[in-house]
């Protein structure tokens, strides 16, 4: 991870969830994150996929939605940038998700796989 401002924000966010991490643990943990670039309208995850990553968007609002039986979109939640994003039920159970998570703007997205997270 090479974006120092983003890295600083991410460390602050992680410490807000769990304060006992020391600097070495945080540094090693950040090395486990990977980066992708998405365009407005791209999806982090789609219905039927297994959520095996936790995402953080650098500068995009995201939405979680599903398609109902009438083929209409139903928004579950909307989140601002710098939030941990996933279908945590699918992440935990390794069952296919019923949801779609989509970015509204072009953005860099950082993610950690379940495998890498468990290694920490």
C-alpha atoms as a PDB file:
ATOM      1  CA  UNK A   1       0.000   0.000   0.000  1.00  0.00           C
ATOM      2  CA  UNK A   2       1.643   3.232  -1.121  1.00  0.00           C
ATOM      3  CA  UNK A   3      -0.958   5.951  -0.506  1.00  0.00           C
ATOM      4  CA  UNK A   4       0.296   7.380   2.783  1.00  0.00           C
ATOM      5  CA  UNK A   5      -2.700   9.655   3.398  1.00  0.00           C
ATOM      6  CA  UNK A   6      -5.070   6.771   2.758  1.00  0.00           C
ATOM      7  CA  UNK A   7      -2.873   4.480   4.854  1.00  0.00           C
ATOM      8  CA  UNK A   8      -3.029   6.950   7.738  1.00  0.00           C
ATOM      9  CA  UNK A   9      -6.835   7.146   7.481  1.00  0.00           C
ATOM     10  CA  UNK A  10      -7.085   3.364   7.332  1.00  0.00           C
ATOM     11  CA  UNK A  11      -4.911   2.956  10.429  1.00  0.00           C
ATOM     12  CA  UNK A  12      -7.104   5.450  12.297  1.00  0.00           C
ATOM     13  CA  UNK A  13     -10.213   3.552  11.242  1.00  0.00           C
ATOM     14  CA  UNK A  14      -8.772   0.166  12.265  1.00  0.00           C
ATOM     15  CA  UNK A  15      -7.638   1.507  15.646  1.00  0.00           C
ATOM     16  CA  UNK A  16     -11.132   2.932  16.224  1.00  0.00           C
ATOM     17  CA  UNK A  17     -12.430  -0.667  16.017  1.00  0.00           C
ATOM     18  CA  UNK A  18      -9.632  -2.329  17.970  1.00  0.00           C
ATOM     19  CA  UNK A  19      -7.154  -0.189  19.896  1.00  0.00           C
ATOM     20  CA  UNK A  20      -4.661  -2.803  21.189  1.00  0.00           C
ATOM     21  CA  UNK A  21      -2.924  -3.199  17.797  1.00  0.00           C
ATOM     22  CA  UNK A  22       0.697  -2.119  17.957  1.00  0.00           C
ATOM     23  CA  UNK A  23       2.530  -0.403  15.091  1.00  0.00           C
ATOM     24  CA  UNK A  24       4.171  -3.613  13.871  1.00  0.00           C
ATOM     25  CA  UNK A  25       0.801  -5.384  13.693  1.00  0.00           C
ATOM     26  CA  UNK A  26      -0.736  -2.459  11.817  1.00  0.00           C
ATOM     27  CA  UNK A  27       2.162  -2.279   9.355  1.00  0.00           C
ATOM     28  CA  UNK A  28       2.027  -6.032   8.680  1.00  0.00           C
ATOM     29  CA  UNK A  29      -1.752  -5.902   8.349  1.00  0.00           C
ATOM     30  CA  UNK A  30      -1.659  -3.077   5.802  1.00  0.00           C
ATOM     31  CA  UNK A  31       0.699  -5.143   3.649  1.00  0.00           C
ATOM     32  CA  UNK A  32      -2.116  -7.685   3.262  1.00  0.00           C
ATOM     33  CA  UNK A  33      -4.392  -5.164   1.491  1.00  0.00           C
ATOM     34  CA  UNK A  34      -4.503  -5.073  -2.297  1.00  0.00           C
ATOM     35  CA  UNK A  35      -5.726  -2.276  -4.577  1.00  0.00           C
ATOM     36  CA  UNK A  36      -7.978  -2.205  -7.622  1.00  0.00           C
ATOM     37  CA  UNK A  37      -9.357   0.731  -9.595  1.00  0.00           C
ATOM     38  CA  UNK A  38     -13.066   0.780 -10.402  1.00  0.00           C
ATOM     39  CA  UNK A  39     -15.218   3.000 -12.585  1.00  0.00           C
ATOM     40  CA  UNK A  40     -18.561   4.510 -11.595  1.00  0.00           C
ATOM     41  CA  UNK A  41     -21.189   1.769 -11.734  1.00  0.00           C
ATOM     42  CA  UNK A  42     -18.762  -1.122 -11.232  1.00  0.00           C
ATOM     43  CA  UNK A  43     -19.576  -3.743  -8.611  1.00  0.00           C
ATOM     44  CA  UNK A  44     -17.511  -4.946  -5.679  1.00  0.00           C
ATOM     45  CA  UNK A  45     -19.697  -8.032  -5.462  1.00  0.00           C
ATOM     46  CA  UNK A  46     -22.772  -9.351  -7.249  1.00  0.00           C
ATOM     47  CA  UNK A  47     -25.629 -11.635  -6.299  1.00  0.00           C
ATOM     48  CA  UNK A  48     -24.565 -15.281  -6.360  1.00  0.00           C
ATOM     49  CA  UNK A  49     -20.898 -14.642  -5.606  1.00  0.00           C
ATOM     50  CA  UNK A  50     -19.267 -15.602  -2.332  1.00  0.00           C
ATOM     51  CA  UNK A  51     -18.036 -12.581  -0.402  1.00  0.00           C
ATOM     52  CA  UNK A  52     -14.417 -13.446   0.362  1.00  0.00           C
ATOM     53  CA  UNK A  53     -13.105  -9.876   0.618  1.00  0.00           C
ATOM     54  CA  UNK A  54     -13.635  -6.817   2.766  1.00  0.00           C
ATOM     55  CA  UNK A  55     -13.407  -3.598   0.774  1.00  0.00           C
ATOM     56  CA  UNK A  56     -12.726   0.063   1.512  1.00  0.00           C
ATOM     57  CA  UNK A  57     -13.350   2.691  -1.149  1.00  0.00           C
ATOM     58  CA  UNK A  58     -11.026   5.655  -1.178  1.00  0.00           C
ATOM     59  CA  UNK A  59     -13.457   8.239  -2.537  1.00  0.00           C
ATOM     60  CA  UNK A  60     -16.795   6.814  -3.605  1.00  0.00           C
ATOM     61  CA  UNK A  61     -20.193   6.372  -2.091  1.00  0.00           C
ATOM     62  CA  UNK A  62     -21.329   2.759  -2.372  1.00  0.00           C
ATOM     63  CA  UNK A  63     -24.688   1.119  -2.273  1.00  0.00           C
ATOM     64  CA  UNK A  64     -25.869  -2.335  -1.348  1.00  0.00           C
ATOM     65  CA  UNK A  65     -28.978  -3.441  -3.197  1.00  0.00           C
ATOM     66  CA  UNK A  66     -30.960  -6.479  -4.184  1.00  0.00           C
ATOM     67  CA  UNK A  67     -33.376  -7.219  -7.014  1.00  0.00           C
ATOM     68  CA  UNK A  68     -36.866  -8.247  -5.869  1.00  0.00           C
ATOM     69  CA  UNK A  69     -39.324 -10.649  -7.471  1.00  0.00           C
ATOM     70  CA  UNK A  70     -40.708  -7.784  -9.626  1.00  0.00           C
ATOM     71  CA  UNK A  71     -37.179  -7.192 -10.976  1.00  0.00           C
ATOM     72  CA  UNK A  72     -36.975  -3.870  -9.107  1.00  0.00           C
ATOM     73  CA  UNK A  73     -33.904  -2.683  -7.221  1.00  0.00           C
ATOM     74  CA  UNK A  74     -34.267  -2.354  -3.476  1.00  0.00           C
ATOM     75  CA  UNK A  75     -31.507  -0.393  -1.767  1.00  0.00           C
ATOM     76  CA  UNK A  76     -30.415  -1.946   1.524  1.00  0.00           C
ATOM     77  CA  UNK A  77     -27.858   0.708   2.521  1.00  0.00           C
ATOM     78  CA  UNK A  78     -25.705   3.526   1.197  1.00  0.00           C
ATOM     79  CA  UNK A  79     -22.259   4.183   2.684  1.00  0.00           C
ATOM     80  CA  UNK A  80     -19.782   6.994   2.321  1.00  0.00           C
ATOM     81  CA  UNK A  81     -16.109   6.503   1.524  1.00  0.00           C
ATOM     82  CA  UNK A  82     -13.698   4.979   4.028  1.00  0.00           C
ATOM     83  CA  UNK A  83     -16.059   2.344   5.400  1.00  0.00           C
ATOM     84  CA  UNK A  84     -15.512  -1.394   5.617  1.00  0.00           C
ATOM     85  CA  UNK A  85     -17.782  -2.963   2.997  1.00  0.00           C
ATOM     86  CA  UNK A  86     -18.845  -6.573   2.483  1.00  0.00           C
ATOM     87  CA  UNK A  87     -21.758  -8.893   2.765  1.00  0.00           C
ATOM     88  CA  UNK A  88     -20.544 -10.028   6.154  1.00  0.00           C
ATOM     89  CA  UNK A  89     -23.023 -12.929   6.328  1.00  0.00           C
ATOM     90  CA  UNK A  90     -21.655 -14.375   3.073  1.00  0.00           C
ATOM     91  CA  UNK A  91     -18.114 -13.589   4.251  1.00  0.00           C
ATOM     92  CA  UNK A  92     -18.690 -15.523   7.462  1.00  0.00           C
ATOM     93  CA  UNK A  93     -20.666 -18.487   6.075  1.00  0.00           C
ATOM     94  CA  UNK A  94     -19.013 -18.727   2.647  1.00  0.00           C
ATOM     95  CA  UNK A  95     -22.481 -18.970   1.089  1.00  0.00           C
ATOM     96  CA  UNK A  96     -23.451 -16.988  -2.036  1.00  0.00           C
ATOM     97  CA  UNK A  97     -24.601 -13.438  -1.396  1.00  0.00           C
ATOM     98  CA  UNK A  98     -28.080 -12.176  -2.226  1.00  0.00           C
ATOM     99  CA  UNK A  99     -26.771  -8.634  -2.609  1.00  0.00           C
ATOM    100  CA  UNK A 100     -24.913  -6.358  -4.993  1.00  0.00           C
ATOM    101  CA  UNK A 101     -22.450  -3.722  -3.816  1.00  0.00           C
ATOM    102  CA  UNK A 102     -21.759  -0.984  -6.355  1.00  0.00           C
ATOM    103  CA  UNK A 103     -19.594   2.157  -6.442  1.00  0.00           C
ATOM    104  CA  UNK A 104     -21.069   5.467  -7.583  1.00  0.00           C
ATOM    105  CA  UNK A 105     -17.814   7.142  -8.638  1.00  0.00           C
ATOM    106  CA  UNK A 106     -14.468   6.218 -10.158  1.00  0.00           C
ATOM    107  CA  UNK A 107     -12.334   5.171  -7.209  1.00  0.00           C
ATOM    108  CA  UNK A 108      -9.450   3.128  -5.954  1.00  0.00           C
ATOM    109  CA  UNK A 109     -10.627   0.287  -3.764  1.00  0.00           C
ATOM    110  CA  UNK A 110      -8.497  -1.473  -1.199  1.00  0.00           C
ATOM    111  CA  UNK A 111      -9.419  -4.953  -0.057  1.00  0.00           C
ATOM    112  CA  UNK A 112      -8.235  -7.763   2.114  1.00  0.00           C
ATOM    113  CA  UNK A 113      -9.143 -11.358   1.383  1.00  0.00           C
ATOM    114  CA  UNK A 114     -10.602 -13.584   4.047  1.00  0.00           C
ATOM    115  CA  UNK A 115      -7.498 -15.788   3.804  1.00  0.00           C
ATOM    116  CA  UNK A 116      -5.176 -12.817   4.436  1.00  0.00           C
ATOM    117  CA  UNK A 117      -7.349 -11.505   7.228  1.00  0.00           C
ATOM    118  CA  UNK A 118      -7.311 -14.850   8.999  1.00  0.00           C
ATOM    119  CA  UNK A 119      -3.506 -15.002   8.683  1.00  0.00           C
ATOM    120  CA  UNK A 120      -3.308 -11.858  10.800  1.00  0.00           C
END
